[in-house]
Amino acid sequence: MSHRFFKVFGLFSVLFLLSFTMAPRKIKVYLIGDSTMSIKQSKAYPETGWGMPFVYFFDSTVEVDNRAQNGRSTRTFIEEGRWQPVTENLQAGDYVFIQFGHNDEVPTKKSYTTEDAFKANLAKFINETRAKKATPVLITPAARRSFDSTTGKIKGTHDIYSALVRSVAVAYKTPLIDLDKQSQDLLQSFGVEGSRLLFNQLKPGEHPNYPKGVEDNTHFNELGARKMAQIVLADIKDLKLELADRIVNSGVKK
């Protein structure tokens, strides 16, 4: 009886230990990019980066570390020393979501990055992420609200730099989320006027942060940010990334 008891006890002990060893380990998801993804200060509310609602769609095994910054390009993100801390802290199994282009593509901005340099910087992010046995994910820049005044059709404003992101994804066999194309489709579905509901657009006196009002066709409000985050979440599932198993209450179909 005593021998049988110890065998049963031993079996339950092994199962108990396995229940811990089989549980998914905690990972970090780093977000690097620009103002359409970044965390906003309270003085900018209701402007909302899509990385803000993104953090709430995962279970307790995922920590989202949003390093995106307003006005940054691939070049300035690296030059300002914002990329180095990410690489230093990356662990095997982590993810890096990379979304740039808004500020790289404008020649009149100090953040301007040539096409060749843009591709090289994306390759740097990919290679250094993989060196730490983490997973890079490329994202084309979120669409601006820009419609043809005659046809009412959405216009692409990132065509060249989005194409560069796609080409790097192919060359380096990197998971790609084509947020530019999919967000254009979303804005088209809302229409010229309806799409205003997704952006930081306010009438004078409507919000104390913008007493004179604001008509911003680049940055999102809370609804727009959530819609963008849901596009990213749906693509995580479509790409069958291991991270998809850790999504909860995303509001999108598997």
Protein backbone atom coordinates (compact mmCIF):
# COMPACT_ATOMS: atom_id res chain seq x y z
CA MET A 1 0.00 0.00 0.00
CA SER A 2 2.85 2.32 0.94
CA HIS A 3 4.68 1.58 -2.34
CA ARG A 4 1.50 2.23 -4.38
CA PHE A 5 0.92 5.49 -2.53
CA PHE A 6 4.38 6.76 -3.43
CA LYS A 7 3.93 5.77 -7.07
CA VAL A 8 0.66 7.71 -7.28
CA PHE A 9 2.15 10.62 -5.40
CA GLY A 10 5.13 10.64 -7.74
CA LEU A 11 2.88 10.61 -10.79
CA PHE A 12 0.88 13.59 -9.56
CA SER A 13 4.11 15.42 -8.70
CA VAL A 14 5.39 14.96 -12.25
CA LEU A 15 2.09 16.14 -13.73
CA PHE A 16 2.11 19.13 -11.41
CA LEU A 17 5.61 20.10 -12.50
CA LEU A 18 4.73 19.60 -16.17
CA SER A 19 1.79 21.96 -15.83
CA PHE A 20 4.33 24.68 -15.09
CA THR A 21 6.99 23.73 -17.63
CA MET A 22 4.43 23.51 -20.44
CA ALA A 23 2.96 26.95 -19.81
CA PRO A 24 3.98 29.55 -22.42
CA ARG A 25 6.89 31.66 -21.21
CA LYS A 26 6.47 35.38 -20.96
CA ILE A 27 7.66 37.35 -23.97
CA LYS A 28 8.00 40.97 -24.99
CA VAL A 29 6.62 42.56 -28.12
CA TYR A 30 8.59 45.69 -28.98
CA LEU A 31 6.96 48.33 -31.16
CA ILE A 32 9.34 50.64 -33.01
CA GLY A 33 8.04 53.33 -35.31
CA ASP A 34 6.55 56.80 -35.55
CA SER A 35 3.67 58.90 -34.25
CA THR A 36 0.91 56.77 -35.76
CA MET A 37 2.00 53.97 -33.40
CA SER A 38 3.37 55.87 -30.39
CA ILE A 39 2.06 56.52 -26.88
CA LYS A 40 0.57 60.02 -26.64
CA GLN A 41 0.85 62.53 -23.85
CA SER A 42 -2.40 63.58 -22.20
CA LYS A 43 -2.13 67.04 -23.78
CA ALA A 44 -2.51 65.43 -27.23
CA TYR A 45 -5.71 63.52 -26.38
CA PRO A 46 -7.83 62.36 -28.17
CA GLU A 47 -4.92 61.70 -30.57
CA THR A 48 -4.07 58.02 -30.11
CA GLY A 49 -1.33 55.84 -31.56
CA TRP A 50 -2.48 52.36 -32.56
CA GLY A 51 0.14 50.86 -30.26
CA MET A 52 -1.86 52.12 -27.28
CA PRO A 53 -4.96 49.90 -27.63
CA PHE A 54 -2.77 47.12 -29.05
CA VAL A 55 -1.41 46.32 -25.57
CA TYR A 56 -4.82 45.24 -24.24
CA PHE A 57 -5.46 42.39 -26.66
CA PHE A 58 -2.97 39.86 -25.21
CA ASP A 59 -2.97 37.48 -22.29
CA SER A 60 -0.72 37.84 -19.25
CA THR A 61 2.22 36.08 -20.94
CA VAL A 62 2.79 39.08 -23.27
CA GLU A 63 4.26 42.46 -22.41
CA VAL A 64 4.05 45.10 -25.13
CA ASP A 65 6.90 47.60 -24.95
CA ASN A 66 6.01 50.56 -27.17
CA ARG A 67 9.20 52.43 -28.13
CA ALA A 68 7.67 54.32 -31.09
CA GLN A 69 8.27 58.07 -31.07
CA ASN A 70 6.64 61.02 -32.79
CA GLY A 71 8.49 62.29 -35.86
CA ARG A 72 11.04 59.50 -36.06
CA SER A 73 12.32 57.80 -39.18
CA THR A 74 14.42 54.65 -39.39
CA ARG A 75 17.53 56.84 -39.51
CA THR A 76 16.74 59.14 -36.58
CA PHE A 77 15.47 56.24 -34.47
CA ILE A 78 18.90 54.64 -34.83
CA GLU A 79 20.95 57.84 -34.59
CA GLU A 80 19.22 58.92 -31.37
CA GLY A 81 20.14 55.63 -29.71
CA ARG A 82 16.57 54.36 -29.51
CA TRP A 83 17.26 51.07 -31.27
CA GLN A 84 20.28 49.98 -29.22
CA PRO A 85 18.36 49.46 -25.94
CA VAL A 86 15.90 47.24 -27.78
CA THR A 87 18.63 44.98 -29.16
CA GLU A 88 20.38 44.88 -25.79
CA ASN A 89 17.23 43.64 -24.05
CA LEU A 90 15.84 41.29 -26.69
CA GLN A 91 15.39 37.69 -25.61
CA ALA A 92 14.78 34.57 -27.65
CA GLY A 93 11.10 34.34 -28.55
CA ASP A 94 10.44 38.08 -28.39
CA TYR A 95 9.02 40.09 -31.29
CA VAL A 96 9.89 43.43 -32.87
CA PHE A 97 7.14 45.14 -34.89
CA ILE A 98 8.72 47.68 -37.26
CA GLN A 99 6.62 50.45 -38.80
CA PHE A 100 8.34 53.41 -40.41
CA GLY A 101 7.90 55.47 -43.57
CA HIS A 102 5.84 58.53 -42.65
CA ASN A 103 8.92 60.56 -41.77
CA ASP A 104 11.49 58.76 -43.90
CA GLU A 105 9.71 59.64 -47.13
CA VAL A 106 9.45 63.45 -46.85
CA PRO A 107 12.51 65.21 -48.37
CA THR A 108 11.77 68.48 -46.57
CA LYS A 109 11.91 66.88 -43.12
CA LYS A 110 15.08 66.53 -41.07
CA SER A 111 14.11 62.90 -40.61
CA TYR A 112 14.30 62.21 -44.37
CA THR A 113 15.94 58.92 -45.26
CA THR A 114 16.95 58.00 -48.79
CA GLU A 115 15.38 54.90 -50.32
CA ASP A 116 18.61 52.92 -50.13
CA ALA A 117 19.25 53.95 -46.53
CA PHE A 118 15.65 53.13 -45.62
CA LYS A 119 16.05 49.58 -46.93
CA ALA A 120 19.41 49.21 -45.21
CA ASN A 121 17.94 50.36 -41.89
CA LEU A 122 15.06 47.90 -42.15
CA ALA A 123 17.59 45.15 -42.89
CA LYS A 124 19.56 46.21 -39.80
CA PHE A 125 16.45 45.89 -37.62
CA ILE A 126 15.73 42.46 -39.10
CA ASN A 127 19.24 41.05 -38.82
CA GLU A 128 19.89 42.30 -35.30
CA THR A 129 16.51 41.02 -34.12
CA ARG A 130 17.17 37.59 -35.56
CA ALA A 131 20.64 37.54 -34.03
CA LYS A 132 18.88 37.48 -30.66
CA LYS A 133 16.58 34.66 -31.85
CA ALA A 134 13.62 37.04 -31.79
CA THR A 135 11.11 37.58 -34.60
CA PRO A 136 10.97 40.77 -36.69
CA VAL A 137 7.68 41.79 -38.31
CA LEU A 138 7.62 44.52 -40.96
CA ILE A 139 4.62 46.86 -41.22
CA THR A 140 3.93 49.30 -44.03
CA PRO A 141 2.98 52.82 -42.81
CA ALA A 142 -0.66 53.43 -41.93
CA ALA A 143 -2.59 55.29 -44.62
CA ARG A 144 -3.34 58.98 -44.44
CA ARG A 145 -6.89 60.19 -45.03
CA SER A 146 -6.51 61.42 -48.59
CA PHE A 147 -9.32 61.08 -51.14
CA ASP A 148 -9.56 62.07 -54.79
CA SER A 149 -11.93 65.04 -54.83
CA THR A 150 -13.49 63.92 -58.11
CA THR A 151 -13.89 60.18 -57.71
CA GLY A 152 -14.04 59.87 -53.93
CA LYS A 153 -11.41 57.11 -54.11
CA ILE A 154 -8.72 56.81 -51.49
CA LYS A 155 -5.26 57.91 -52.63
CA GLY A 156 -2.01 56.26 -51.61
CA THR A 157 0.44 58.65 -49.98
CA HIS A 158 3.13 56.10 -49.07
CA ASP A 159 3.35 54.24 -52.38
CA ILE A 160 7.13 54.35 -52.80
CA TYR A 161 8.17 53.64 -49.22
CA SER A 162 5.48 51.01 -48.68
CA ALA A 163 6.81 49.25 -51.78
CA LEU A 164 10.29 49.37 -50.26
CA VAL A 165 9.01 47.71 -47.07
CA ARG A 166 7.38 44.98 -49.15
CA SER A 167 10.57 44.41 -51.13
CA VAL A 168 12.66 44.08 -47.97
CA ALA A 169 10.11 41.63 -46.53
CA VAL A 170 10.49 39.44 -49.62
CA ALA A 171 14.28 39.72 -49.73
CA TYR A 172 14.68 38.81 -46.07
CA LYS A 173 11.73 36.41 -45.86
CA THR A 174 10.23 38.50 -43.08
CA PRO A 175 6.57 38.46 -41.95
CA LEU A 176 4.78 41.46 -43.43
CA ILE A 177 1.67 43.31 -42.33
CA ASP A 178 0.55 45.56 -45.18
CA LEU A 179 -1.12 48.18 -43.01
CA ASP A 180 -0.96 50.78 -45.79
CA LYS A 181 -3.11 48.75 -48.16
CA GLN A 182 -5.50 47.43 -45.53
CA SER A 183 -5.99 50.80 -43.86
CA GLN A 184 -6.70 52.33 -47.27
CA ASP A 185 -9.38 49.70 -47.73
CA LEU A 186 -10.79 50.54 -44.31
CA LEU A 187 -10.90 54.28 -45.03
CA GLN A 188 -12.58 53.62 -48.37
CA SER A 189 -15.25 51.57 -46.62
CA PHE A 190 -15.95 54.51 -44.30
CA GLY A 191 -16.01 56.97 -47.18
CA VAL A 192 -14.86 60.56 -47.54
CA GLU A 193 -16.88 61.96 -44.64
CA GLY A 194 -17.27 58.84 -42.53
CA SER A 195 -13.51 58.33 -42.36
CA ARG A 196 -13.23 61.55 -40.35
CA LEU A 197 -14.53 59.51 -37.43
CA LEU A 198 -11.19 57.64 -37.32
CA PHE A 199 -8.88 60.65 -37.16
CA ASN A 200 -8.07 63.40 -34.70
CA GLN A 201 -10.60 65.88 -36.07
CA LEU A 202 -12.41 68.32 -33.80
CA LYS A 203 -14.42 71.47 -34.22
CA PRO A 204 -13.43 74.68 -32.39
CA GLY A 205 -14.40 74.45 -28.74
CA GLU A 206 -15.11 70.72 -28.92
CA HIS A 207 -12.12 69.72 -26.77
CA PRO A 208 -9.96 71.77 -24.37
CA ASN A 209 -6.75 70.38 -25.89
CA TYR A 210 -7.71 71.90 -29.24
CA PRO A 211 -9.64 75.13 -28.53
CA LYS A 212 -9.31 76.20 -32.18
CA GLY A 213 -10.22 72.75 -33.44
CA VAL A 214 -8.05 70.40 -35.48
CA GLU A 215 -8.29 68.61 -38.82
CA ASP A 216 -5.61 65.95 -38.76
CA ASN A 217 -5.62 63.41 -41.58
CA THR A 218 -2.59 61.47 -40.33
CA HIS A 219 -3.11 60.77 -36.64
CA PHE A 220 -5.92 58.69 -35.21
CA ASN A 221 -8.40 59.15 -32.43
CA GLU A 222 -9.30 56.28 -30.12
CA LEU A 223 -11.62 54.59 -32.61
CA GLY A 224 -9.16 54.87 -35.48
CA ALA A 225 -6.29 53.57 -33.38
CA ARG A 226 -8.35 50.57 -32.30
CA LYS A 227 -9.30 49.82 -35.91
CA MET A 228 -5.62 49.91 -36.93
CA ALA A 229 -4.65 47.69 -34.02
CA GLN A 230 -7.32 45.20 -35.06
CA ILE A 231 -5.89 45.05 -38.58
CA VAL A 232 -2.49 44.20 -37.10
CA LEU A 233 -4.01 41.59 -34.79
CA ALA A 234 -5.90 39.93 -37.66
CA ASP A 235 -2.68 39.71 -39.67
CA ILE A 236 -0.81 38.19 -36.72
CA LYS A 237 -3.38 35.41 -36.87
CA ASP A 238 -3.25 35.12 -40.66
CA LEU A 239 0.54 34.87 -40.54
CA LYS A 240 0.18 32.10 -37.95
CA LEU A 241 2.76 33.64 -35.67
CA GLU A 242 3.14 31.92 -32.32
CA LEU A 243 2.07 35.23 -30.81
CA ALA A 244 -1.43 34.64 -32.20
CA ASP A 245 -2.08 32.01 -29.54
CA ARG A 246 -1.71 34.69 -26.89
CA ILE A 247 -4.35 37.08 -28.29
CA VAL A 248 -7.54 37.51 -26.30
CA ASN A 249 -10.66 39.57 -27.05
CA SER A 250 -9.25 41.04 -30.26
CA GLY A 251 -12.62 41.67 -31.86
CA VAL A 252 -11.35 40.00 -35.07
CA LYS A 253 -11.94 36.53 -36.41
CA LYS A 254 -9.27 33.86 -36.34
